[in-house]
Amino acid sequence: MKALLVSGFAAIGTGTCAMLTLHAEAGLDPLHSVISVYAFQASGWLLPASLTLFAAGSSLIAEALRRAGASRWVVGLLLAWGVSMFLIGAFPTDRPGLPLSLSGGIHRYAAFAAFLVMPMAGLLLARARIRYARAVRILSGLAIGALVLVVIPYVVRMFGIPLTNDDIPAGLTQRLVVVTELGVLALAGLSMLRPAARRSLVTSSVVRQA
């Protein structure tokens, strides 16, 4: 159990370092530039590497939660987030100005799925009264709020209103989602480090099934 959690944290930490390195070397404006366009920079390979590490970390923590007795929904949502992260990295978005391709479509909808499932997992974990439940609930709420801000520009464009990322802080809202969701994932893992916390999760699962 502890080995799974430590490996998961290592993967998330390494992925975060890769992402920060990419941002530092790219020199783009993080307020308006979405993370996807960093793939077209000289160090763009760090983006799929980082996302793959996030996916691995999520899978390891999901397995630890499964062994601790977490609900199938929580485990499934964390695995879905990991799969989505992998797909986002494996299928790059389209260069600015180009029409949506198959790769770009997979990238976009995988990102939306990832942004949606982690807050759901967080709320379920908070409901199970894990350690740090309050912090997990707050981060999940912030992630949902930031996701709404991410989606609004797409809805506006559907009505034919021209709106570019230069007009709105698209990069900021997207990064808020990513940071809060990584926070939910990290707290989910940290909540399992103490044996008493794992027993509490098992008890909550048994009570719900009764």
N, C-alpha and C. Protein backbone atom coordinates (compact mmCIF):
# COMPACT_ATOMS: atom_id res chain seq x y z
N MET A 1 0.83 -1.21 0.00
CA MET A 1 0.00 0.00 0.00
C MET A 1 0.86 1.26 0.00
N LYS A 2 1.80 1.34 0.96
CA LYS A 2 2.65 2.52 1.04
C LYS A 2 3.52 2.66 -0.19
N ALA A 3 3.98 1.54 -0.73
CA ALA A 3 4.81 1.59 -1.94
C ALA A 3 4.02 2.17 -3.12
N LEU A 4 2.75 1.79 -3.22
CA LEU A 4 1.90 2.33 -4.28
C LEU A 4 1.76 3.84 -4.14
N LEU A 5 1.50 4.30 -2.91
CA LEU A 5 1.32 5.72 -2.68
C LEU A 5 2.60 6.50 -2.95
N VAL A 6 3.72 6.00 -2.46
CA VAL A 6 4.99 6.69 -2.68
C VAL A 6 5.31 6.76 -4.17
N SER A 7 5.07 5.66 -4.88
CA SER A 7 5.30 5.65 -6.34
C SER A 7 4.37 6.64 -7.04
N GLY A 8 3.13 6.69 -6.57
CA GLY A 8 2.18 7.63 -7.15
C GLY A 8 2.61 9.07 -6.94
N PHE A 9 3.05 9.40 -5.72
CA PHE A 9 3.51 10.75 -5.43
C PHE A 9 4.75 11.09 -6.26
N ALA A 10 5.64 10.11 -6.42
CA ALA A 10 6.85 10.33 -7.21
C ALA A 10 6.50 10.65 -8.66
N ALA A 11 5.53 9.92 -9.20
CA ALA A 11 5.11 10.16 -10.58
C ALA A 11 4.48 11.55 -10.73
N ILE A 12 3.63 11.92 -9.78
CA ILE A 12 3.00 13.23 -9.83
C ILE A 12 4.03 14.34 -9.67
N GLY A 13 4.96 14.15 -8.74
CA GLY A 13 6.00 15.16 -8.51
C GLY A 13 6.90 15.34 -9.72
N THR A 14 7.29 14.22 -10.34
CA THR A 14 8.14 14.30 -11.53
C THR A 14 7.39 14.94 -12.68
N GLY A 15 6.11 14.59 -12.82
CA GLY A 15 5.29 15.20 -13.86
C GLY A 15 5.14 16.69 -13.66
N THR A 16 5.00 17.12 -12.41
CA THR A 16 4.89 18.54 -12.12
C THR A 16 6.19 19.27 -12.45
N CYS A 17 7.32 18.67 -12.13
CA CYS A 17 8.62 19.26 -12.47
C CYS A 17 8.77 19.40 -13.98
N ALA A 18 8.35 18.38 -14.72
CA ALA A 18 8.42 18.44 -16.18
C ALA A 18 7.54 19.56 -16.72
N MET A 19 6.35 19.71 -16.16
CA MET A 19 5.43 20.76 -16.61
C MET A 19 6.00 22.14 -16.31
N LEU A 20 6.56 22.33 -15.12
CA LEU A 20 7.14 23.62 -14.76
C LEU A 20 8.36 23.95 -15.63
N THR A 21 9.16 22.94 -15.92
CA THR A 21 10.31 23.14 -16.80
C THR A 21 9.87 23.58 -18.18
N LEU A 22 8.82 22.94 -18.69
CA LEU A 22 8.28 23.31 -20.00
C LEU A 22 7.81 24.76 -20.00
N HIS A 23 7.12 25.16 -18.96
CA HIS A 23 6.64 26.53 -18.89
C HIS A 23 7.80 27.53 -18.83
N ALA A 24 8.82 27.19 -18.07
CA ALA A 24 9.96 28.10 -17.92
C ALA A 24 10.72 28.25 -19.23
N GLU A 25 10.85 27.16 -19.99
CA GLU A 25 11.63 27.21 -21.23
C GLU A 25 10.84 27.76 -22.40
N ALA A 26 9.52 27.60 -22.38
CA ALA A 26 8.71 28.04 -23.51
C ALA A 26 8.60 29.56 -23.57
N GLY A 27 8.47 30.19 -22.42
CA GLY A 27 8.39 31.64 -22.39
C GLY A 27 7.09 32.22 -22.89
N LEU A 28 6.01 31.43 -22.91
CA LEU A 28 4.71 31.92 -23.35
C LEU A 28 3.99 32.60 -22.18
N ASP A 29 2.94 33.32 -22.53
CA ASP A 29 2.14 34.02 -21.52
C ASP A 29 1.17 33.04 -20.89
N PRO A 30 1.38 32.64 -19.63
CA PRO A 30 0.49 31.65 -19.02
C PRO A 30 -0.91 32.17 -18.74
N LEU A 31 -1.09 33.50 -18.81
CA LEU A 31 -2.42 34.07 -18.56
C LEU A 31 -3.36 33.78 -19.71
N HIS A 32 -2.84 33.80 -20.93
CA HIS A 32 -3.68 33.62 -22.11
C HIS A 32 -3.36 32.36 -22.91
N SER A 33 -2.16 31.83 -22.81
CA SER A 33 -1.77 30.65 -23.58
C SER A 33 -2.23 29.39 -22.87
N VAL A 34 -3.04 28.57 -23.55
CA VAL A 34 -3.48 27.32 -22.94
C VAL A 34 -2.33 26.33 -22.96
N ILE A 35 -2.41 25.35 -22.10
CA ILE A 35 -1.29 24.41 -21.92
C ILE A 35 -1.03 23.62 -23.19
N SER A 36 -2.06 23.33 -23.96
CA SER A 36 -1.92 22.48 -25.14
C SER A 36 -0.92 23.02 -26.15
N VAL A 37 -0.85 24.36 -26.30
CA VAL A 37 0.01 24.93 -27.34
C VAL A 37 1.49 24.82 -26.97
N TYR A 38 1.79 24.46 -25.73
CA TYR A 38 3.18 24.28 -25.34
C TYR A 38 3.82 23.10 -26.06
N ALA A 39 2.98 22.22 -26.62
CA ALA A 39 3.50 21.06 -27.35
C ALA A 39 4.26 21.47 -28.60
N PHE A 40 4.02 22.69 -29.10
CA PHE A 40 4.66 23.15 -30.33
C PHE A 40 5.95 23.91 -30.07
N GLN A 41 6.37 23.95 -28.81
CA GLN A 41 7.63 24.61 -28.48
C GLN A 41 8.79 23.62 -28.58
N ALA A 42 10.01 24.14 -28.45
CA ALA A 42 11.19 23.29 -28.60
C ALA A 42 11.21 22.16 -27.57
N SER A 43 10.73 22.45 -26.38
CA SER A 43 10.70 21.43 -25.33
C SER A 43 9.31 20.82 -25.20
N GLY A 44 8.57 20.81 -26.30
CA GLY A 44 7.19 20.34 -26.28
C GLY A 44 7.02 18.90 -25.86
N TRP A 45 8.07 18.10 -25.99
CA TRP A 45 7.97 16.69 -25.61
C TRP A 45 7.72 16.53 -24.11
N LEU A 46 8.03 17.58 -23.35
CA LEU A 46 7.79 17.51 -21.91
C LEU A 46 6.30 17.49 -21.56
N LEU A 47 5.47 17.98 -22.47
CA LEU A 47 4.03 17.99 -22.19
C LEU A 47 3.46 16.58 -22.13
N PRO A 48 3.61 15.75 -23.19
CA PRO A 48 3.10 14.38 -23.08
C PRO A 48 3.80 13.58 -21.99
N ALA A 49 5.08 13.87 -21.76
CA ALA A 49 5.80 13.17 -20.68
C ALA A 49 5.17 13.50 -19.33
N SER A 50 4.88 14.77 -19.11
CA SER A 50 4.26 15.19 -17.86
C SER A 50 2.88 14.58 -17.68
N LEU A 51 2.07 14.62 -18.72
CA LEU A 51 0.70 14.09 -18.63
C LEU A 51 0.70 12.58 -18.43
N THR A 52 1.64 11.89 -19.05
CA THR A 52 1.76 10.44 -18.85
C THR A 52 2.13 10.12 -17.41
N LEU A 53 3.00 10.92 -16.83
CA LEU A 53 3.37 10.73 -15.42
C LEU A 53 2.18 10.99 -14.51
N PHE A 54 1.38 12.00 -14.83
CA PHE A 54 0.16 12.25 -14.05
C PHE A 54 -0.78 11.05 -14.14
N ALA A 55 -0.89 10.48 -15.35
CA ALA A 55 -1.75 9.32 -15.54
C ALA A 55 -1.27 8.14 -14.71
N ALA A 56 0.05 7.93 -14.69
CA ALA A 56 0.61 6.83 -13.90
C ALA A 56 0.37 7.06 -12.41
N GLY A 57 0.57 8.29 -11.97
CA GLY A 57 0.34 8.60 -10.56
C GLY A 57 -1.09 8.38 -10.15
N SER A 58 -2.02 8.78 -11.00
CA SER A 58 -3.44 8.58 -10.71
C SER A 58 -3.79 7.10 -10.63
N SER A 59 -3.23 6.31 -11.53
CA SER A 59 -3.51 4.87 -11.53
C SER A 59 -2.98 4.20 -10.26
N LEU A 60 -1.80 4.60 -9.83
CA LEU A 60 -1.20 4.02 -8.62
C LEU A 60 -2.01 4.39 -7.38
N ILE A 61 -2.43 5.64 -7.29
CA ILE A 61 -3.23 6.06 -6.15
C ILE A 61 -4.61 5.40 -6.19
N ALA A 62 -5.17 5.23 -7.38
CA ALA A 62 -6.45 4.55 -7.51
C ALA A 62 -6.36 3.11 -7.01
N GLU A 63 -5.26 2.44 -7.33
CA GLU A 63 -5.07 1.07 -6.86
C GLU A 63 -4.93 1.03 -5.34
N ALA A 64 -4.22 2.01 -4.78
CA ALA A 64 -4.08 2.07 -3.32
C ALA A 64 -5.45 2.27 -2.66
N LEU A 65 -6.27 3.14 -3.24
CA LEU A 65 -7.61 3.38 -2.71
C LEU A 65 -8.47 2.13 -2.83
N ARG A 66 -8.32 1.42 -3.94
CA ARG A 66 -9.09 0.18 -4.13
C ARG A 66 -8.75 -0.82 -3.04
N ARG A 67 -7.46 -0.96 -2.76
CA ARG A 67 -7.03 -1.90 -1.72
C ARG A 67 -7.49 -1.45 -0.33
N ALA A 68 -7.68 -0.13 -0.18
CA ALA A 68 -8.12 0.39 1.11
C ALA A 68 -9.63 0.29 1.29
N GLY A 69 -10.33 -0.13 0.23
CA GLY A 69 -11.77 -0.31 0.34
C GLY A 69 -12.60 0.83 -0.19
N ALA A 70 -12.00 1.73 -0.99
CA ALA A 70 -12.76 2.83 -1.57
C ALA A 70 -13.82 2.29 -2.53
N SER A 71 -14.84 3.09 -2.76
CA SER A 71 -15.92 2.66 -3.64
C SER A 71 -15.43 2.48 -5.07
N ARG A 72 -16.13 1.64 -5.82
CA ARG A 72 -15.75 1.41 -7.21
C ARG A 72 -15.87 2.68 -8.03
N TRP A 73 -16.80 3.55 -7.65
CA TRP A 73 -16.97 4.79 -8.38
C TRP A 73 -15.73 5.67 -8.25
N VAL A 74 -15.22 5.80 -7.06
CA VAL A 74 -14.03 6.62 -6.84
C VAL A 74 -12.85 6.06 -7.62
N VAL A 75 -12.63 4.77 -7.50
CA VAL A 75 -11.52 4.13 -8.20
C VAL A 75 -11.68 4.29 -9.71
N GLY A 76 -12.89 4.05 -10.20
CA GLY A 76 -13.15 4.17 -11.63
C GLY A 76 -12.93 5.58 -12.15
N LEU A 77 -13.35 6.59 -11.37
CA LEU A 77 -13.19 7.98 -11.79
C LEU A 77 -11.71 8.38 -11.83
N LEU A 78 -10.95 7.91 -10.85
CA LEU A 78 -9.51 8.21 -10.86
C LEU A 78 -8.81 7.54 -12.03
N LEU A 79 -9.21 6.32 -12.34
CA LEU A 79 -8.64 5.64 -13.51
C LEU A 79 -9.05 6.35 -14.80
N ALA A 80 -10.29 6.82 -14.86
CA ALA A 80 -10.75 7.55 -16.04
C ALA A 80 -9.97 8.84 -16.22
N TRP A 81 -9.66 9.50 -15.10
CA TRP A 81 -8.84 10.71 -15.18
C TRP A 81 -7.45 10.37 -15.72
N GLY A 82 -6.89 9.27 -15.26
CA GLY A 82 -5.58 8.87 -15.74
C GLY A 82 -5.58 8.55 -17.23
N VAL A 83 -6.59 7.82 -17.68
CA VAL A 83 -6.71 7.50 -19.11
C VAL A 83 -6.86 8.78 -19.93
N SER A 84 -7.66 9.71 -19.41
CA SER A 84 -7.86 10.98 -20.13
C SER A 84 -6.56 11.76 -20.22
N MET A 85 -5.79 11.79 -19.13
CA MET A 85 -4.51 12.47 -19.15
C MET A 85 -3.58 11.87 -20.22
N PHE A 86 -3.57 10.55 -20.29
CA PHE A 86 -2.73 9.89 -21.28
C PHE A 86 -3.17 10.25 -22.70
N LEU A 87 -4.47 10.27 -22.94
CA LEU A 87 -4.99 10.59 -24.27
C LEU A 87 -4.69 12.04 -24.64
N ILE A 88 -4.76 12.94 -23.66
CA ILE A 88 -4.44 14.35 -23.93
C ILE A 88 -3.01 14.48 -24.43
N GLY A 89 -2.10 13.72 -23.82
CA GLY A 89 -0.71 13.78 -24.23
C GLY A 89 -0.44 13.05 -25.53
N ALA A 90 -1.13 11.93 -25.73
CA ALA A 90 -0.89 11.10 -26.92
C ALA A 90 -1.47 11.72 -28.19
N PHE A 91 -2.53 12.51 -28.04
CA PHE A 91 -3.18 13.13 -29.20
C PHE A 91 -3.10 14.65 -29.06
N PRO A 92 -2.09 15.26 -29.67
CA PRO A 92 -1.90 16.71 -29.51
C PRO A 92 -3.03 17.50 -30.17
N THR A 93 -3.21 18.71 -29.67
CA THR A 93 -4.20 19.60 -30.25
C THR A 93 -3.70 20.12 -31.59
N ASP A 94 -4.56 20.83 -32.30
CA ASP A 94 -4.19 21.40 -33.59
C ASP A 94 -3.49 22.74 -33.40
N ARG A 95 -2.64 23.07 -34.33
CA ARG A 95 -1.98 24.38 -34.28
C ARG A 95 -3.03 25.48 -34.43
N PRO A 96 -2.81 26.62 -33.81
CA PRO A 96 -3.78 27.72 -33.89
C PRO A 96 -4.12 28.08 -35.33
N GLY A 97 -5.41 28.23 -35.62
CA GLY A 97 -5.86 28.61 -36.94
C GLY A 97 -6.26 27.46 -37.83
N LEU A 98 -5.90 26.23 -37.46
CA LEU A 98 -6.26 25.06 -38.26
C LEU A 98 -7.60 24.49 -37.81
N PRO A 99 -8.35 23.87 -38.74
CA PRO A 99 -9.63 23.25 -38.36
C PRO A 99 -9.40 22.06 -37.44
N LEU A 100 -10.45 21.70 -36.72
CA LEU A 100 -10.35 20.61 -35.74
C LEU A 100 -10.12 19.28 -36.46
N SER A 101 -9.04 18.59 -36.10
CA SER A 101 -8.71 17.28 -36.67
C SER A 101 -9.17 16.19 -35.72
N LEU A 102 -8.98 14.93 -36.13
CA LEU A 102 -9.33 13.81 -35.25
C LEU A 102 -8.49 13.87 -33.98
N SER A 103 -7.19 14.11 -34.13
CA SER A 103 -6.31 14.20 -32.97
C SER A 103 -6.75 15.35 -32.06
N GLY A 104 -7.05 16.49 -32.67
CA GLY A 104 -7.49 17.64 -31.90
C GLY A 104 -8.80 17.39 -31.18
N GLY A 105 -9.70 16.64 -31.82
CA GLY A 105 -10.98 16.33 -31.20
C GLY A 105 -10.81 15.40 -30.00
N ILE A 106 -9.98 14.36 -30.17
CA ILE A 106 -9.72 13.45 -29.05
C ILE A 106 -9.09 14.22 -27.90
N HIS A 107 -8.15 15.09 -28.23
CA HIS A 107 -7.47 15.90 -27.22
C HIS A 107 -8.48 16.76 -26.46
N ARG A 108 -9.36 17.41 -27.17
CA ARG A 108 -10.31 18.34 -26.54
C ARG A 108 -11.28 17.61 -25.62
N TYR A 109 -11.86 16.51 -26.11
CA TYR A 109 -12.89 15.84 -25.33
C TYR A 109 -12.28 15.01 -24.19
N ALA A 110 -11.05 14.54 -24.38
CA ALA A 110 -10.36 13.87 -23.28
C ALA A 110 -10.06 14.87 -22.16
N ALA A 111 -9.71 16.09 -22.54
CA ALA A 111 -9.44 17.13 -21.55
C ALA A 111 -10.72 17.46 -20.78
N PHE A 112 -11.83 17.58 -21.50
CA PHE A 112 -13.10 17.87 -20.82
C PHE A 112 -13.47 16.75 -19.86
N ALA A 113 -13.27 15.51 -20.30
CA ALA A 113 -13.58 14.36 -19.44
C ALA A 113 -12.71 14.39 -18.18
N ALA A 114 -11.42 14.66 -18.36
CA ALA A 114 -10.51 14.71 -17.21
C ALA A 114 -10.92 15.80 -16.24
N PHE A 115 -11.25 16.98 -16.79
CA PHE A 115 -11.62 18.11 -15.94
C PHE A 115 -12.90 17.83 -15.16
N LEU A 116 -13.75 16.95 -15.70
CA LEU A 116 -15.04 16.68 -15.07
C LEU A 116 -14.96 15.58 -14.02
N VAL A 117 -14.20 14.51 -14.30
CA VAL A 117 -14.27 13.33 -13.43
C VAL A 117 -13.52 13.51 -12.11
N MET A 118 -12.43 14.28 -12.10
CA MET A 118 -11.68 14.42 -10.84
C MET A 118 -12.49 15.12 -9.74
N PRO A 119 -13.21 16.23 -10.04
CA PRO A 119 -14.04 16.82 -8.99
C PRO A 119 -15.12 15.87 -8.49
N MET A 120 -15.65 15.05 -9.38
CA MET A 120 -16.65 14.07 -8.96
C MET A 120 -16.04 13.07 -7.99
N ALA A 121 -14.84 12.59 -8.30
CA ALA A 121 -14.15 11.67 -7.40
C ALA A 121 -13.86 12.34 -6.07
N GLY A 122 -13.46 13.61 -6.12
CA GLY A 122 -13.16 14.34 -4.89
C GLY A 122 -14.38 14.50 -4.01
N LEU A 123 -15.52 14.79 -4.60
CA LEU A 123 -16.74 14.96 -3.81
C LEU A 123 -17.17 13.63 -3.18
N LEU A 124 -16.98 12.55 -3.91
CA LEU A 124 -17.31 11.23 -3.34
C LEU A 124 -16.37 10.89 -2.18
N LEU A 125 -15.10 11.22 -2.33
CA LEU A 125 -14.15 10.98 -1.25
C LEU A 125 -14.47 11.83 -0.03
N ALA A 126 -14.84 13.09 -0.27
CA ALA A 126 -15.20 13.96 0.84
C ALA A 126 -16.44 13.43 1.55
N ARG A 127 -17.36 12.90 0.78
CA ARG A 127 -18.58 12.33 1.37
C ARG A 127 -18.25 11.12 2.25
N ALA A 128 -17.19 10.39 1.88
CA ALA A 128 -16.77 9.23 2.67
C ALA A 128 -16.01 9.64 3.93
N ARG A 129 -15.82 10.96 4.11
CA ARG A 129 -15.18 11.51 5.30
C ARG A 129 -13.75 11.01 5.49
N ILE A 130 -13.00 11.03 4.39
CA ILE A 130 -11.59 10.70 4.49
C ILE A 130 -10.85 11.83 5.21
N ARG A 131 -9.61 11.59 5.56
CA ARG A 131 -8.78 12.69 6.07
C ARG A 131 -8.71 13.79 5.01
N TYR A 132 -8.65 15.02 5.46
CA TYR A 132 -8.62 16.19 4.57
C TYR A 132 -9.90 16.31 3.75
N ALA A 133 -11.01 15.75 4.24
CA ALA A 133 -12.25 15.78 3.47
C ALA A 133 -12.68 17.20 3.14
N ARG A 134 -12.54 18.11 4.10
CA ARG A 134 -12.95 19.49 3.86
C ARG A 134 -12.12 20.13 2.76
N ALA A 135 -10.80 19.93 2.81
CA ALA A 135 -9.93 20.49 1.78
C ALA A 135 -10.23 19.88 0.41
N VAL A 136 -10.51 18.58 0.38
CA VAL A 136 -10.85 17.91 -0.88
C VAL A 136 -12.15 18.48 -1.44
N ARG A 137 -13.12 18.73 -0.56
CA ARG A 137 -14.40 19.28 -1.01
C ARG A 137 -14.21 20.69 -1.57
N ILE A 138 -13.40 21.49 -0.91
CA ILE A 138 -13.16 22.86 -1.38
C ILE A 138 -12.45 22.86 -2.72
N LEU A 139 -11.41 22.04 -2.85
CA LEU A 139 -10.68 21.97 -4.11
C LEU A 139 -11.56 21.46 -5.24
N SER A 140 -12.42 20.49 -4.94
CA SER A 140 -13.33 19.97 -5.96
C SER A 140 -14.31 21.05 -6.41
N GLY A 141 -14.81 21.83 -5.46
CA GLY A 141 -15.70 22.93 -5.82
C GLY A 141 -15.01 23.97 -6.67
N LEU A 142 -13.77 24.31 -6.31
CA LEU A 142 -13.00 25.27 -7.10
C LEU A 142 -12.74 24.74 -8.51
N ALA A 143 -12.45 23.44 -8.61
CA ALA A 143 -12.21 22.83 -9.93
C ALA A 143 -13.45 22.92 -10.80
N ILE A 144 -14.62 22.67 -10.21
CA ILE A 144 -15.87 22.75 -10.97
C ILE A 144 -16.12 24.18 -11.42
N GLY A 145 -15.89 25.14 -10.52
CA GLY A 145 -16.06 26.54 -10.89
C GLY A 145 -15.12 26.97 -12.01
N ALA A 146 -13.87 26.55 -11.92
CA ALA A 146 -12.90 26.89 -12.96
C ALA A 146 -13.26 26.21 -14.28
N LEU A 147 -13.81 24.98 -14.20
CA LEU A 147 -14.22 24.27 -15.42
C LEU A 147 -15.33 25.03 -16.13
N VAL A 148 -16.27 25.58 -15.36
CA VAL A 148 -17.33 26.38 -15.97
C VAL A 148 -16.73 27.57 -16.72
N LEU A 149 -15.73 28.21 -16.13
CA LEU A 149 -15.08 29.34 -16.80
C LEU A 149 -14.34 28.90 -18.06
N VAL A 150 -13.83 27.67 -18.05
CA VAL A 150 -13.14 27.14 -19.25
C VAL A 150 -14.15 26.89 -20.36
N VAL A 151 -15.32 26.39 -20.02
CA VAL A 151 -16.32 26.00 -21.02
C VAL A 151 -17.03 27.21 -21.62
N ILE A 152 -17.24 28.27 -20.83
CA ILE A 152 -18.01 29.42 -21.29
C ILE A 152 -17.53 29.97 -22.64
N PRO A 153 -16.22 30.18 -22.86
CA PRO A 153 -15.79 30.71 -24.17
C PRO A 153 -16.18 29.81 -25.34
N TYR A 154 -16.17 28.48 -25.15
CA TYR A 154 -16.58 27.58 -26.23
C TYR A 154 -18.06 27.75 -26.54
N VAL A 155 -18.87 27.94 -25.51
CA VAL A 155 -20.30 28.17 -25.71
C VAL A 155 -20.53 29.49 -26.43
N VAL A 156 -19.79 30.52 -26.04
CA VAL A 156 -19.91 31.83 -26.68
C VAL A 156 -19.59 31.73 -28.16
N ARG A 157 -18.53 30.99 -28.50
CA ARG A 157 -18.14 30.85 -29.90
C ARG A 157 -19.19 30.08 -30.70
N MET A 158 -19.90 29.16 -30.04
CA MET A 158 -20.95 28.40 -30.73
C MET A 158 -22.05 29.32 -31.24
N PHE A 159 -22.24 30.46 -30.59
CA PHE A 159 -23.26 31.43 -31.00
C PHE A 159 -22.71 32.43 -31.99
N GLY A 160 -21.53 32.16 -32.52
CA GLY A 160 -20.96 33.00 -33.56
C GLY A 160 -20.28 34.26 -33.07
N ILE A 161 -20.06 34.36 -31.78
CA ILE A 161 -19.41 35.55 -31.23
C ILE A 161 -17.90 35.33 -31.23
N PRO A 162 -17.15 36.14 -31.97
CA PRO A 162 -15.69 35.93 -32.02
C PRO A 162 -15.05 36.22 -30.67
N LEU A 163 -14.29 35.25 -30.20
CA LEU A 163 -13.63 35.39 -28.90
C LEU A 163 -12.35 34.57 -28.94
N THR A 164 -11.23 35.22 -28.76
CA THR A 164 -9.95 34.54 -28.79
C THR A 164 -9.38 34.44 -27.37
N ASN A 165 -8.37 33.62 -27.23
CA ASN A 165 -7.73 33.47 -25.92
C ASN A 165 -7.04 34.75 -25.47
N ASP A 166 -6.76 35.63 -26.42
CA ASP A 166 -6.15 36.91 -26.06
C ASP A 166 -7.15 37.84 -25.40
N ASP A 167 -8.44 37.56 -25.60
CA ASP A 167 -9.49 38.40 -25.02
C ASP A 167 -9.85 37.99 -23.60
N ILE A 168 -9.50 36.79 -23.22
CA ILE A 168 -9.88 36.26 -21.91
C ILE A 168 -8.68 35.56 -21.27
N PRO A 169 -8.68 35.39 -19.96
CA PRO A 169 -7.57 34.67 -19.30
C PRO A 169 -7.75 33.16 -19.42
N ALA A 170 -7.77 32.65 -20.67
CA ALA A 170 -8.02 31.23 -20.91
C ALA A 170 -6.95 30.36 -20.26
N GLY A 171 -5.71 30.80 -20.32
CA GLY A 171 -4.63 30.02 -19.71
C GLY A 171 -4.76 29.94 -18.21
N LEU A 172 -5.17 31.03 -17.59
CA LEU A 172 -5.31 31.06 -16.14
C LEU A 172 -6.40 30.11 -15.66
N THR A 173 -7.57 30.16 -16.29
CA THR A 173 -8.68 29.31 -15.84
C THR A 173 -8.34 27.84 -16.06
N GLN A 174 -7.67 27.52 -17.17
CA GLN A 174 -7.30 26.13 -17.41
C GLN A 174 -6.31 25.64 -16.36
N ARG A 175 -5.37 26.48 -16.01
CA ARG A 175 -4.37 26.09 -15.01
C ARG A 175 -5.00 25.95 -13.63
N LEU A 176 -6.02 26.75 -13.34
CA LEU A 176 -6.73 26.60 -12.07
C LEU A 176 -7.36 25.21 -11.97
N VAL A 177 -7.94 24.74 -13.08
CA VAL A 177 -8.53 23.40 -13.08
C VAL A 177 -7.46 22.35 -12.82
N VAL A 178 -6.35 22.45 -13.55
CA VAL A 178 -5.29 21.45 -13.43
C VAL A 178 -4.71 21.43 -12.02
N VAL A 179 -4.42 22.60 -11.47
CA VAL A 179 -3.81 22.67 -10.14
C VAL A 179 -4.74 22.14 -9.07
N THR A 180 -6.01 22.53 -9.11
CA THR A 180 -6.96 22.06 -8.10
C THR A 180 -7.19 20.55 -8.21
N GLU A 181 -7.20 20.03 -9.42
CA GLU A 181 -7.43 18.59 -9.58
C GLU A 181 -6.21 17.79 -9.14
N LEU A 182 -5.03 18.29 -9.42
CA LEU A 182 -3.83 17.63 -8.89
C LEU A 182 -3.83 17.68 -7.36
N GLY A 183 -4.36 18.77 -6.80
CA GLY A 183 -4.48 18.87 -5.35
C GLY A 183 -5.42 17.82 -4.79
N VAL A 184 -6.55 17.61 -5.47
CA VAL A 184 -7.50 16.57 -5.04
C VAL A 184 -6.84 15.20 -5.08
N LEU A 185 -6.12 14.93 -6.17
CA LEU A 185 -5.44 13.64 -6.31
C LEU A 185 -4.40 13.44 -5.22
N ALA A 186 -3.60 14.47 -4.95
CA ALA A 186 -2.56 14.37 -3.93
C ALA A 186 -3.17 14.14 -2.55
N LEU A 187 -4.24 14.86 -2.22
CA LEU A 187 -4.88 14.69 -0.92
C LEU A 187 -5.53 13.31 -0.80
N ALA A 188 -6.05 12.81 -1.90
CA ALA A 188 -6.62 11.46 -1.88
C ALA A 188 -5.56 10.44 -1.49
N GLY A 189 -4.35 10.62 -2.03
CA GLY A 189 -3.26 9.72 -1.67
C GLY A 189 -2.77 9.93 -0.25
N LEU A 190 -2.61 11.20 0.15
CA LEU A 190 -2.14 11.51 1.49
C LEU A 190 -3.10 11.00 2.56
N SER A 191 -4.38 10.96 2.25
CA SER A 191 -5.37 10.52 3.23
C SER A 191 -5.21 9.04 3.58
N MET A 192 -4.49 8.31 2.72
CA MET A 192 -4.33 6.87 2.95
C MET A 192 -3.02 6.50 3.63
N LEU A 193 -2.21 7.47 3.99
CA LEU A 193 -0.91 7.15 4.55
C LEU A 193 -0.99 6.58 5.96
N ARG A 194 -2.00 6.94 6.72
CA ARG A 194 -2.15 6.42 8.07
C ARG A 194 -3.08 5.21 8.08
N PRO A 195 -2.72 4.14 8.78
CA PRO A 195 -3.58 2.95 8.85
C PRO A 195 -4.98 3.27 9.36
N ALA A 196 -5.08 4.18 10.32
CA ALA A 196 -6.39 4.54 10.86
C ALA A 196 -7.28 5.14 9.79
N ALA A 197 -6.67 5.93 8.90
CA ALA A 197 -7.44 6.55 7.83
C ALA A 197 -7.94 5.49 6.85
N ARG A 198 -7.12 4.48 6.60
CA ARG A 198 -7.54 3.42 5.68
C ARG A 198 -8.68 2.62 6.29
N ARG A 199 -8.60 2.36 7.60
CA ARG A 199 -9.69 1.63 8.26
C ARG A 199 -10.98 2.43 8.23
N SER A 200 -10.86 3.75 8.35
CA SER A 200 -12.04 4.61 8.30
C SER A 200 -12.70 4.54 6.94
N LEU A 201 -11.88 4.50 5.88
CA LEU A 201 -12.43 4.42 4.53
C LEU A 201 -13.14 3.10 4.31
N VAL A 202 -12.56 2.02 4.80
CA VAL A 202 -13.20 0.71 4.70
C VAL A 202 -14.54 0.71 5.42
N THR A 203 -14.56 1.29 6.63
CA THR A 203 -15.80 1.35 7.41
C THR A 203 -16.87 2.14 6.68
N SER A 204 -16.50 3.28 6.09
CA SER A 204 -17.46 4.09 5.35
C SER A 204 -18.02 3.33 4.17
N SER A 205 -17.16 2.57 3.49
CA SER A 205 -17.60 1.78 2.34
C SER A 205 -18.58 0.70 2.76
N VAL A 206 -18.30 0.07 3.88
CA VAL A 206 -19.18 -1.00 4.37
C VAL A 206 -20.55 -0.43 4.76
N VAL A 207 -20.53 0.74 5.42
CA VAL A 207 -21.78 1.36 5.85
C VAL A 207 -22.65 1.71 4.66
N ARG A 208 -22.03 2.24 3.59
CA ARG A 208 -22.80 2.60 2.40
C ARG A 208 -23.41 1.39 1.74
N GLN A 209 -22.72 0.24 1.78
CA GLN A 209 -23.22 -0.96 1.12
C GLN A 209 -24.29 -1.66 1.94
N ALA A 210 -24.34 -1.37 3.25
CA ALA A 210 -25.29 -2.05 4.13
C ALA A 210 -26.72 -1.60 3.87
